[in-house]
């Protein structure tokens, strides 16, 4: 909620990014998080670590789910985009701003890569910066408010965390039943 109060000021700062630079930020950010996911899968394949390959595939799954949630939230909240001229408080008016359908999957991928590499800082920081670059690019193109991007970060990352949690619970709940013949006198 506090971020909404800063949306106008942050938008003014983001207007200084020209359209081609903003688009480059978006593409580079997506390229880096996507490359990170490929690196995660490739590392699992190269080292024969099923856990890393599974983390990458789960990351794809959570990204699809996060995108679906973002699209549902757009319809639900109907916030107008900054370029509509209606201001940051134009909710429930059929807009498509809240939350970002581009940034949410980027954060879902970033969390998948970070989790797959055990949240080591040398992986986590770059992939989260790359996902943030996608959001900054969207703001630079005047398509999203800063609060849209912040919420996208929470939803994207949170979706991957939730999907990872569900997978772990399901794997732990797998029956540990063993059947073996016993000879008795």
N, C-alpha and C. Protein backbone atom coordinates (compact mmCIF):
# COMPACT_ATOMS: atom_id res chain seq x y z
N UNK A 1 0.81 -1.19 0.00
CA UNK A 1 0.00 0.00 0.00
C UNK A 1 0.85 1.25 0.00
N UNK A 2 1.94 1.24 0.77
CA UNK A 2 2.81 2.42 0.82
C UNK A 2 3.46 2.71 -0.51
N UNK A 3 3.71 1.67 -1.28
CA UNK A 3 4.34 1.85 -2.59
C UNK A 3 3.42 2.62 -3.53
N UNK A 4 2.12 2.44 -3.39
CA UNK A 4 1.17 3.15 -4.26
C UNK A 4 1.33 4.65 -4.08
N UNK A 5 1.62 5.09 -2.86
CA UNK A 5 1.85 6.51 -2.60
C UNK A 5 3.09 7.05 -3.30
N UNK A 6 4.02 6.17 -3.61
CA UNK A 6 5.26 6.59 -4.30
C UNK A 6 5.20 6.38 -5.81
N UNK A 7 4.12 5.79 -6.29
CA UNK A 7 4.03 5.45 -7.72
C UNK A 7 4.27 6.65 -8.63
N UNK A 8 3.68 7.78 -8.32
CA UNK A 8 3.83 8.96 -9.18
C UNK A 8 5.27 9.43 -9.27
N UNK A 9 5.95 9.50 -8.13
CA UNK A 9 7.35 9.96 -8.11
C UNK A 9 8.26 8.97 -8.83
N UNK A 10 8.03 7.69 -8.60
CA UNK A 10 8.86 6.68 -9.27
C UNK A 10 8.59 6.70 -10.77
N UNK A 11 7.35 6.92 -11.17
CA UNK A 11 7.02 7.00 -12.59
C UNK A 11 7.78 8.16 -13.23
N UNK A 12 7.83 9.30 -12.56
CA UNK A 12 8.55 10.45 -13.11
C UNK A 12 10.02 10.12 -13.34
N UNK A 13 10.62 9.38 -12.41
CA UNK A 13 12.02 8.98 -12.57
C UNK A 13 12.18 7.98 -13.71
N UNK A 14 11.23 7.06 -13.84
CA UNK A 14 11.32 6.04 -14.89
C UNK A 14 11.09 6.61 -16.28
N UNK A 15 10.44 7.76 -16.37
CA UNK A 15 10.20 8.38 -17.68
C UNK A 15 11.51 8.77 -18.36
N UNK A 16 12.59 8.87 -17.58
CA UNK A 16 13.88 9.23 -18.15
C UNK A 16 14.50 8.11 -18.96
N UNK A 17 13.94 6.93 -18.90
CA UNK A 17 14.45 5.80 -19.68
C UNK A 17 13.78 5.83 -21.04
N UNK A 18 14.58 5.90 -22.09
CA UNK A 18 13.96 5.93 -23.42
C UNK A 18 13.41 4.54 -23.77
N UNK A 19 12.50 4.51 -24.72
CA UNK A 19 11.76 3.29 -25.03
C UNK A 19 12.67 2.14 -25.47
N UNK A 20 13.68 2.43 -26.27
CA UNK A 20 14.56 1.35 -26.74
C UNK A 20 15.41 0.79 -25.59
N UNK A 21 15.84 1.64 -24.69
CA UNK A 21 16.60 1.16 -23.53
C UNK A 21 15.71 0.32 -22.61
N UNK A 22 14.46 0.76 -22.44
CA UNK A 22 13.52 0.02 -21.59
C UNK A 22 13.25 -1.36 -22.19
N UNK A 23 13.07 -1.40 -23.50
CA UNK A 23 12.84 -2.68 -24.17
C UNK A 23 14.07 -3.58 -24.05
N UNK A 24 15.25 -2.99 -24.15
CA UNK A 24 16.48 -3.75 -24.00
C UNK A 24 16.58 -4.33 -22.58
N UNK A 25 16.20 -3.54 -21.57
CA UNK A 25 16.21 -4.05 -20.19
C UNK A 25 15.29 -5.25 -20.05
N UNK A 26 14.09 -5.15 -20.61
CA UNK A 26 13.14 -6.26 -20.56
C UNK A 26 13.72 -7.51 -21.19
N UNK A 27 14.22 -7.37 -22.38
CA UNK A 27 14.73 -8.53 -23.12
C UNK A 27 15.96 -9.13 -22.46
N UNK A 28 16.86 -8.26 -22.00
CA UNK A 28 18.07 -8.76 -21.33
C UNK A 28 17.70 -9.47 -20.03
N UNK A 29 16.77 -8.90 -19.29
CA UNK A 29 16.34 -9.52 -18.04
C UNK A 29 15.75 -10.90 -18.28
N UNK A 30 14.83 -10.98 -19.26
CA UNK A 30 14.24 -12.28 -19.59
C UNK A 30 15.30 -13.26 -20.08
N UNK A 31 16.23 -12.76 -20.89
CA UNK A 31 17.30 -13.62 -21.39
C UNK A 31 18.15 -14.20 -20.27
N UNK A 32 18.44 -13.36 -19.28
CA UNK A 32 19.27 -13.82 -18.17
C UNK A 32 18.54 -14.82 -17.27
N UNK A 33 17.27 -14.56 -16.94
CA UNK A 33 16.57 -15.54 -16.09
C UNK A 33 16.30 -16.83 -16.87
N UNK A 34 15.97 -16.70 -18.15
CA UNK A 34 15.78 -17.89 -18.97
C UNK A 34 17.08 -18.67 -19.12
N UNK A 35 18.18 -17.95 -19.32
CA UNK A 35 19.49 -18.60 -19.40
C UNK A 35 19.87 -19.27 -18.10
N UNK A 36 19.48 -18.63 -17.00
CA UNK A 36 19.73 -19.23 -15.68
C UNK A 36 19.00 -20.56 -15.52
N UNK A 37 17.75 -20.59 -16.02
CA UNK A 37 16.99 -21.84 -15.94
C UNK A 37 17.63 -22.92 -16.81
N UNK A 38 18.08 -22.54 -17.99
CA UNK A 38 18.79 -23.51 -18.85
C UNK A 38 20.08 -23.97 -18.20
N UNK A 39 20.80 -23.05 -17.55
CA UNK A 39 22.03 -23.42 -16.85
C UNK A 39 21.73 -24.39 -15.70
N UNK A 40 20.62 -24.16 -15.01
CA UNK A 40 20.23 -25.05 -13.93
C UNK A 40 19.96 -26.46 -14.47
N UNK A 41 19.16 -26.54 -15.53
CA UNK A 41 18.87 -27.85 -16.11
C UNK A 41 20.15 -28.49 -16.66
N UNK A 42 20.95 -27.68 -17.36
CA UNK A 42 22.19 -28.20 -17.94
C UNK A 42 23.16 -28.70 -16.88
N UNK A 43 23.24 -27.98 -15.78
CA UNK A 43 24.10 -28.43 -14.68
C UNK A 43 23.61 -29.76 -14.13
N UNK A 44 22.31 -29.89 -13.98
CA UNK A 44 21.75 -31.16 -13.51
C UNK A 44 22.00 -32.29 -14.48
N UNK A 45 21.92 -32.00 -15.75
CA UNK A 45 22.17 -33.02 -16.77
C UNK A 45 23.64 -33.41 -16.78
N UNK A 46 24.52 -32.40 -16.76
CA UNK A 46 25.97 -32.63 -16.84
C UNK A 46 26.48 -33.40 -15.62
N UNK A 47 25.98 -33.04 -14.44
CA UNK A 47 26.45 -33.67 -13.20
C UNK A 47 25.57 -34.84 -12.76
N UNK A 48 24.57 -35.13 -13.56
CA UNK A 48 23.63 -36.21 -13.27
C UNK A 48 22.93 -36.01 -11.92
N UNK A 49 22.55 -34.75 -11.66
CA UNK A 49 21.82 -34.42 -10.44
C UNK A 49 20.34 -34.25 -10.78
N UNK A 50 19.57 -35.26 -10.48
CA UNK A 50 18.13 -35.23 -10.76
C UNK A 50 17.46 -34.04 -10.07
N UNK A 51 17.93 -33.68 -8.90
CA UNK A 51 17.33 -32.58 -8.14
C UNK A 51 17.39 -31.26 -8.92
N UNK A 52 18.49 -30.98 -9.58
CA UNK A 52 18.61 -29.73 -10.35
C UNK A 52 17.70 -29.75 -11.58
N UNK A 53 17.66 -30.89 -12.26
CA UNK A 53 16.76 -31.01 -13.41
C UNK A 53 15.31 -30.86 -12.97
N UNK A 54 14.98 -31.48 -11.87
CA UNK A 54 13.62 -31.37 -11.32
C UNK A 54 13.31 -29.93 -10.94
N UNK A 55 14.28 -29.22 -10.35
CA UNK A 55 14.09 -27.82 -9.96
C UNK A 55 13.81 -26.95 -11.20
N UNK A 56 14.51 -27.22 -12.28
CA UNK A 56 14.30 -26.45 -13.51
C UNK A 56 12.91 -26.71 -14.09
N UNK A 57 12.49 -27.96 -14.13
CA UNK A 57 11.17 -28.28 -14.66
C UNK A 57 10.06 -27.74 -13.76
N UNK A 58 10.29 -27.79 -12.46
CA UNK A 58 9.33 -27.21 -11.52
C UNK A 58 9.27 -25.69 -11.72
N UNK A 59 10.40 -25.09 -12.05
CA UNK A 59 10.43 -23.66 -12.34
C UNK A 59 9.57 -23.31 -13.54
N UNK A 60 9.61 -24.15 -14.56
CA UNK A 60 8.74 -23.92 -15.72
C UNK A 60 7.28 -24.02 -15.31
N UNK A 61 6.97 -25.02 -14.51
CA UNK A 61 5.60 -25.22 -14.04
C UNK A 61 5.12 -24.00 -13.25
N UNK A 62 5.93 -23.53 -12.33
CA UNK A 62 5.52 -22.39 -11.50
C UNK A 62 5.43 -21.11 -12.32
N UNK A 63 6.22 -21.00 -13.36
CA UNK A 63 6.15 -19.82 -14.22
C UNK A 63 4.82 -19.75 -14.96
N UNK A 64 4.36 -20.88 -15.43
CA UNK A 64 3.05 -20.94 -16.10
C UNK A 64 1.95 -20.58 -15.11
N UNK A 65 2.03 -21.13 -13.91
CA UNK A 65 1.03 -20.83 -12.88
C UNK A 65 1.06 -19.34 -12.53
N UNK A 66 2.27 -18.78 -12.36
CA UNK A 66 2.41 -17.35 -12.01
C UNK A 66 1.83 -16.46 -13.11
N UNK A 67 2.06 -16.83 -14.36
CA UNK A 67 1.50 -16.05 -15.47
C UNK A 67 -0.03 -16.08 -15.41
N UNK A 68 -0.59 -17.25 -15.15
CA UNK A 68 -2.04 -17.37 -15.03
C UNK A 68 -2.60 -16.52 -13.90
N UNK A 69 -1.91 -16.52 -12.77
CA UNK A 69 -2.34 -15.69 -11.64
C UNK A 69 -2.28 -14.21 -12.01
N UNK A 70 -1.21 -13.81 -12.70
CA UNK A 70 -1.08 -12.41 -13.12
C UNK A 70 -2.23 -12.00 -14.03
N UNK A 71 -2.56 -12.86 -14.97
CA UNK A 71 -3.65 -12.52 -15.88
C UNK A 71 -4.99 -12.44 -15.14
N UNK A 72 -5.20 -13.33 -14.19
CA UNK A 72 -6.41 -13.30 -13.39
C UNK A 72 -6.48 -12.02 -12.55
N UNK A 73 -5.35 -11.61 -12.00
CA UNK A 73 -5.32 -10.39 -11.19
C UNK A 73 -5.57 -9.14 -12.04
N UNK A 74 -5.11 -9.15 -13.28
CA UNK A 74 -5.38 -8.01 -14.18
C UNK A 74 -6.89 -7.82 -14.35
N UNK A 75 -7.57 -8.93 -14.61
CA UNK A 75 -9.01 -8.88 -14.81
C UNK A 75 -9.72 -8.49 -13.51
N UNK A 76 -9.25 -9.02 -12.40
CA UNK A 76 -9.89 -8.77 -11.11
C UNK A 76 -9.76 -7.31 -10.67
N UNK A 77 -8.55 -6.75 -10.78
CA UNK A 77 -8.31 -5.41 -10.25
C UNK A 77 -8.49 -4.29 -11.27
N UNK A 78 -8.35 -4.57 -12.53
CA UNK A 78 -8.62 -3.60 -13.59
C UNK A 78 -7.94 -2.25 -13.44
N UNK A 79 -6.71 -2.24 -12.94
CA UNK A 79 -6.00 -0.97 -12.74
C UNK A 79 -5.52 -0.42 -14.08
N UNK A 80 -5.71 0.87 -14.24
CA UNK A 80 -5.27 1.52 -15.47
C UNK A 80 -3.75 1.67 -15.50
N UNK A 81 -3.20 1.59 -16.70
CA UNK A 81 -1.76 1.74 -16.88
C UNK A 81 -1.38 3.22 -16.71
N UNK A 82 -0.10 3.46 -16.40
CA UNK A 82 0.33 4.85 -16.24
C UNK A 82 0.10 5.72 -17.48
N UNK A 83 0.27 5.12 -18.66
CA UNK A 83 0.10 5.92 -19.88
C UNK A 83 -1.36 6.28 -20.18
N UNK A 84 -2.29 5.83 -19.34
CA UNK A 84 -3.70 6.20 -19.54
C UNK A 84 -3.98 7.61 -19.06
N UNK A 85 -3.10 8.13 -18.19
CA UNK A 85 -3.27 9.49 -17.67
C UNK A 85 -4.27 9.59 -16.52
N UNK A 86 -4.73 8.46 -16.01
CA UNK A 86 -5.75 8.47 -14.95
C UNK A 86 -5.16 8.42 -13.54
N UNK A 87 -3.84 8.28 -13.42
CA UNK A 87 -3.19 8.27 -12.12
C UNK A 87 -3.13 6.89 -11.50
N UNK A 88 -2.37 6.78 -10.40
CA UNK A 88 -2.14 5.47 -9.79
C UNK A 88 -3.33 4.91 -9.00
N UNK A 89 -4.38 5.69 -8.83
CA UNK A 89 -5.52 5.21 -8.05
C UNK A 89 -6.70 4.78 -8.92
N UNK A 90 -6.46 4.57 -10.20
CA UNK A 90 -7.52 4.18 -11.14
C UNK A 90 -7.67 2.66 -11.16
N UNK A 91 -8.32 2.12 -10.13
CA UNK A 91 -8.56 0.69 -9.99
C UNK A 91 -9.96 0.34 -10.47
N UNK A 92 -10.18 -0.91 -10.81
CA UNK A 92 -11.49 -1.46 -11.19
C UNK A 92 -12.12 -0.69 -12.35
N UNK A 93 -11.28 -0.33 -13.32
CA UNK A 93 -11.76 0.40 -14.49
C UNK A 93 -11.45 -0.34 -15.78
N UNK A 94 -11.18 -1.61 -15.68
CA UNK A 94 -10.94 -2.41 -16.87
C UNK A 94 -9.52 -2.35 -17.41
N UNK A 95 -8.60 -1.75 -16.66
CA UNK A 95 -7.22 -1.63 -17.11
C UNK A 95 -6.46 -2.95 -17.00
N UNK A 96 -5.21 -2.92 -17.42
CA UNK A 96 -4.38 -4.13 -17.46
C UNK A 96 -3.05 -3.96 -16.74
N UNK A 97 -2.99 -3.05 -15.77
CA UNK A 97 -1.71 -2.74 -15.16
C UNK A 97 -1.33 -3.65 -14.00
N UNK A 98 -2.26 -3.97 -13.12
CA UNK A 98 -1.93 -4.71 -11.89
C UNK A 98 -2.25 -6.17 -12.05
N UNK A 99 -1.34 -7.04 -12.04
CA UNK A 99 0.10 -6.99 -11.92
C UNK A 99 0.72 -7.23 -13.30
N UNK A 100 2.01 -7.16 -13.38
CA UNK A 100 2.67 -7.28 -14.68
C UNK A 100 2.73 -8.74 -15.16
N UNK A 101 2.17 -8.97 -16.33
CA UNK A 101 2.21 -10.30 -16.94
C UNK A 101 3.58 -10.65 -17.49
N UNK A 102 4.47 -9.66 -17.57
CA UNK A 102 5.85 -9.91 -18.00
C UNK A 102 6.77 -10.12 -16.80
N UNK A 103 6.59 -9.29 -15.79
CA UNK A 103 7.49 -9.31 -14.64
C UNK A 103 7.21 -10.49 -13.71
N UNK A 104 5.95 -10.86 -13.55
CA UNK A 104 5.61 -11.95 -12.63
C UNK A 104 6.30 -13.25 -13.04
N UNK A 105 6.24 -13.68 -14.30
CA UNK A 105 6.96 -14.90 -14.68
C UNK A 105 8.48 -14.76 -14.54
N UNK A 106 9.00 -13.54 -14.76
CA UNK A 106 10.45 -13.34 -14.60
C UNK A 106 10.87 -13.61 -13.16
N UNK A 107 10.08 -13.14 -12.21
CA UNK A 107 10.40 -13.40 -10.80
C UNK A 107 10.17 -14.87 -10.45
N UNK A 108 9.19 -15.51 -11.06
CA UNK A 108 9.00 -16.94 -10.82
C UNK A 108 10.22 -17.73 -11.30
N UNK A 109 10.74 -17.37 -12.46
CA UNK A 109 11.94 -18.02 -12.98
C UNK A 109 13.15 -17.73 -12.09
N UNK A 110 13.26 -16.48 -11.64
CA UNK A 110 14.40 -16.10 -10.80
C UNK A 110 14.42 -16.93 -9.52
N UNK A 111 13.27 -17.09 -8.89
CA UNK A 111 13.22 -17.90 -7.67
C UNK A 111 13.53 -19.36 -7.96
N UNK A 112 13.08 -19.87 -9.10
CA UNK A 112 13.37 -21.26 -9.46
C UNK A 112 14.87 -21.48 -9.62
N UNK A 113 15.54 -20.56 -10.29
CA UNK A 113 16.98 -20.67 -10.48
C UNK A 113 17.71 -20.54 -9.14
N UNK A 114 17.30 -19.55 -8.35
CA UNK A 114 17.94 -19.34 -7.04
C UNK A 114 17.76 -20.58 -6.16
N UNK A 115 16.56 -21.12 -6.11
CA UNK A 115 16.30 -22.30 -5.29
C UNK A 115 17.06 -23.52 -5.81
N UNK A 116 17.13 -23.65 -7.12
CA UNK A 116 17.84 -24.79 -7.71
C UNK A 116 19.32 -24.79 -7.39
N UNK A 117 19.87 -23.60 -7.17
CA UNK A 117 21.28 -23.49 -6.78
C UNK A 117 21.41 -23.17 -5.28
N UNK A 118 20.42 -23.64 -4.50
CA UNK A 118 20.43 -23.53 -3.03
C UNK A 118 20.54 -22.09 -2.52
N UNK A 119 19.97 -21.16 -3.26
CA UNK A 119 19.97 -19.74 -2.89
C UNK A 119 21.37 -19.20 -2.58
N UNK A 120 22.35 -19.71 -3.31
CA UNK A 120 23.69 -19.14 -3.17
C UNK A 120 23.65 -17.71 -3.68
N UNK A 121 24.28 -16.80 -2.97
CA UNK A 121 24.18 -15.38 -3.29
C UNK A 121 24.69 -15.06 -4.69
N UNK A 122 25.71 -15.77 -5.16
CA UNK A 122 26.29 -15.46 -6.47
C UNK A 122 25.35 -15.85 -7.61
N UNK A 123 24.32 -16.60 -7.31
CA UNK A 123 23.28 -16.92 -8.29
C UNK A 123 22.03 -16.08 -8.02
N UNK A 124 21.63 -16.01 -6.76
CA UNK A 124 20.39 -15.33 -6.38
C UNK A 124 20.41 -13.85 -6.74
N UNK A 125 21.48 -13.15 -6.41
CA UNK A 125 21.54 -11.70 -6.68
C UNK A 125 21.41 -11.41 -8.18
N UNK A 126 22.20 -12.06 -9.05
CA UNK A 126 22.06 -11.75 -10.48
C UNK A 126 20.69 -12.09 -11.07
N UNK A 127 20.10 -13.24 -10.68
CA UNK A 127 18.82 -13.58 -11.30
C UNK A 127 17.70 -12.66 -10.81
N UNK A 128 17.76 -12.25 -9.55
CA UNK A 128 16.75 -11.31 -9.07
C UNK A 128 16.96 -9.91 -9.66
N UNK A 129 18.20 -9.52 -9.89
CA UNK A 129 18.45 -8.25 -10.59
C UNK A 129 17.93 -8.31 -12.03
N UNK A 130 18.09 -9.46 -12.66
CA UNK A 130 17.59 -9.62 -14.03
C UNK A 130 16.06 -9.52 -14.05
N UNK A 131 15.39 -10.15 -13.10
CA UNK A 131 13.93 -10.05 -13.03
C UNK A 131 13.50 -8.61 -12.75
N UNK A 132 14.25 -7.92 -11.90
CA UNK A 132 13.96 -6.51 -11.62
C UNK A 132 14.14 -5.67 -12.87
N UNK A 133 15.13 -6.01 -13.69
CA UNK A 133 15.35 -5.28 -14.94
C UNK A 133 14.13 -5.38 -15.86
N UNK A 134 13.48 -6.54 -15.86
CA UNK A 134 12.25 -6.70 -16.66
C UNK A 134 11.21 -5.69 -16.16
N UNK A 135 11.05 -5.59 -14.85
CA UNK A 135 10.08 -4.66 -14.28
C UNK A 135 10.44 -3.20 -14.55
N UNK A 136 11.71 -2.87 -14.43
CA UNK A 136 12.14 -1.49 -14.69
C UNK A 136 11.90 -1.16 -16.16
N UNK A 137 12.14 -2.11 -17.03
CA UNK A 137 11.86 -1.91 -18.45
C UNK A 137 10.37 -1.63 -18.70
N UNK A 138 9.52 -2.38 -18.01
CA UNK A 138 8.07 -2.15 -18.14
C UNK A 138 7.67 -0.77 -17.63
N UNK A 139 8.30 -0.34 -16.53
CA UNK A 139 8.02 1.00 -16.02
C UNK A 139 8.57 2.06 -16.98
N UNK A 140 9.74 1.81 -17.54
CA UNK A 140 10.33 2.74 -18.50
C UNK A 140 9.48 2.92 -19.74
N UNK A 141 8.74 1.89 -20.09
CA UNK A 141 7.84 1.97 -21.26
C UNK A 141 6.47 2.51 -20.86
N UNK A 142 6.34 2.91 -19.59
CA UNK A 142 5.12 3.52 -19.04
C UNK A 142 3.93 2.57 -19.07
N UNK A 143 4.21 1.29 -18.87
CA UNK A 143 3.15 0.27 -18.88
C UNK A 143 2.75 -0.19 -17.49
N UNK A 144 3.61 0.07 -16.49
CA UNK A 144 3.31 -0.37 -15.13
C UNK A 144 3.79 0.64 -14.11
N UNK A 145 3.08 0.65 -13.00
CA UNK A 145 3.46 1.43 -11.83
C UNK A 145 4.47 0.60 -11.02
N UNK A 146 5.24 1.27 -10.19
CA UNK A 146 6.22 0.57 -9.35
C UNK A 146 5.52 -0.44 -8.43
N UNK A 147 4.34 -0.11 -7.92
CA UNK A 147 3.62 -1.04 -7.05
C UNK A 147 3.18 -2.28 -7.82
N UNK A 148 2.92 -2.16 -9.12
CA UNK A 148 2.61 -3.34 -9.94
C UNK A 148 3.81 -4.28 -9.98
N UNK A 149 4.99 -3.68 -10.12
CA UNK A 149 6.22 -4.47 -10.23
C UNK A 149 6.54 -5.14 -8.90
N UNK A 150 6.38 -4.40 -7.81
CA UNK A 150 6.63 -4.97 -6.49
C UNK A 150 5.69 -6.16 -6.23
N UNK A 151 4.42 -5.98 -6.53
CA UNK A 151 3.46 -7.07 -6.34
C UNK A 151 3.79 -8.24 -7.25
N UNK A 152 4.25 -7.96 -8.46
CA UNK A 152 4.65 -9.03 -9.39
C UNK A 152 5.80 -9.83 -8.82
N UNK A 153 6.73 -9.14 -8.16
CA UNK A 153 7.86 -9.84 -7.53
C UNK A 153 7.40 -10.79 -6.45
N UNK A 154 6.48 -10.32 -5.61
CA UNK A 154 5.95 -11.18 -4.54
C UNK A 154 5.16 -12.36 -5.10
N UNK A 155 4.30 -12.10 -6.08
CA UNK A 155 3.48 -13.17 -6.64
C UNK A 155 4.34 -14.18 -7.40
N UNK A 156 5.26 -13.69 -8.23
CA UNK A 156 6.12 -14.59 -9.00
C UNK A 156 6.99 -15.46 -8.12
N UNK A 157 7.71 -14.83 -7.20
CA UNK A 157 8.58 -15.58 -6.29
C UNK A 157 7.76 -16.50 -5.39
N UNK A 158 6.68 -15.96 -4.87
CA UNK A 158 5.83 -16.73 -3.96
C UNK A 158 5.22 -17.94 -4.64
N UNK A 159 4.85 -17.81 -5.90
CA UNK A 159 4.29 -18.95 -6.63
C UNK A 159 5.31 -20.07 -6.73
N UNK A 160 6.55 -19.73 -7.07
CA UNK A 160 7.58 -20.76 -7.17
C UNK A 160 7.85 -21.38 -5.81
N UNK A 161 7.89 -20.56 -4.76
CA UNK A 161 8.10 -21.11 -3.41
C UNK A 161 6.97 -22.07 -3.04
N UNK A 162 5.75 -21.70 -3.37
CA UNK A 162 4.61 -22.55 -3.06
C UNK A 162 4.64 -23.86 -3.85
N UNK A 163 4.94 -23.77 -5.14
CA UNK A 163 5.01 -24.99 -5.97
C UNK A 163 6.13 -25.89 -5.47
N UNK A 164 7.28 -25.31 -5.11
CA UNK A 164 8.37 -26.11 -4.56
C UNK A 164 7.95 -26.79 -3.25
N UNK A 165 7.24 -26.07 -2.41
CA UNK A 165 6.75 -26.62 -1.15
C UNK A 165 5.80 -27.78 -1.40
N UNK A 166 4.88 -27.59 -2.31
CA UNK A 166 3.91 -28.65 -2.65
C UNK A 166 4.63 -29.90 -3.16
N UNK A 167 5.63 -29.69 -4.02
CA UNK A 167 6.39 -30.84 -4.54
C UNK A 167 7.13 -31.56 -3.42
N UNK A 168 7.76 -30.80 -2.52
CA UNK A 168 8.48 -31.44 -1.40
C UNK A 168 7.53 -32.24 -0.52
N UNK A 169 6.37 -31.66 -0.21
CA UNK A 169 5.38 -32.36 0.64
C UNK A 169 4.90 -33.65 -0.02
N UNK A 170 4.65 -33.56 -1.33
CA UNK A 170 4.20 -34.75 -2.05
C UNK A 170 5.26 -35.84 -2.06
N UNK A 171 6.51 -35.44 -2.24
CA UNK A 171 7.59 -36.42 -2.25
C UNK A 171 7.79 -37.04 -0.87
N UNK A 172 7.63 -36.24 0.19
CA UNK A 172 7.78 -36.76 1.55
C UNK A 172 6.63 -37.69 1.91
N UNK A 173 5.47 -37.43 1.35
CA UNK A 173 4.29 -38.25 1.66
C UNK A 173 4.24 -39.54 0.86
N UNK A 174 5.16 -39.72 -0.07
CA UNK A 174 5.17 -40.94 -0.87
C UNK A 174 5.30 -42.14 0.06
N UNK A 175 4.51 -43.14 -0.18
CA UNK A 175 4.55 -44.30 0.72
C UNK A 175 5.93 -44.96 0.74
N UNK A 176 6.33 -45.32 1.91
CA UNK A 176 7.61 -45.99 2.09
C UNK A 176 7.37 -47.48 2.36
N UNK A 177 6.40 -48.05 1.66
CA UNK A 177 6.02 -49.43 1.85
C UNK A 177 6.98 -50.35 1.11
N UNK A 178 7.37 -51.39 1.77
CA UNK A 178 8.26 -52.35 1.18
C UNK A 178 7.64 -53.74 1.36
N UNK A 179 7.61 -54.51 0.29
CA UNK A 179 7.05 -55.87 0.35
C UNK A 179 8.19 -56.84 0.09
N UNK A 180 8.35 -57.77 0.99
CA UNK A 180 9.38 -58.79 0.79
C UNK A 180 8.89 -60.10 1.39
N UNK A 181 9.23 -61.21 0.77
CA UNK A 181 8.78 -62.51 1.28
C UNK A 181 9.53 -62.88 2.57
N UNK A 182 8.82 -63.54 3.44
CA UNK A 182 9.42 -64.00 4.70
C UNK A 182 9.16 -65.49 4.83
N UNK A 183 10.19 -66.22 5.10
CA UNK A 183 10.06 -67.67 5.27
C UNK A 183 9.89 -67.96 6.77
N UNK A 184 8.88 -68.73 7.08
CA UNK A 184 8.66 -69.10 8.47
C UNK A 184 8.67 -70.62 8.58
N UNK A 185 9.01 -71.17 9.75
CA UNK A 185 9.03 -72.63 9.91
C UNK A 185 7.63 -73.23 9.86
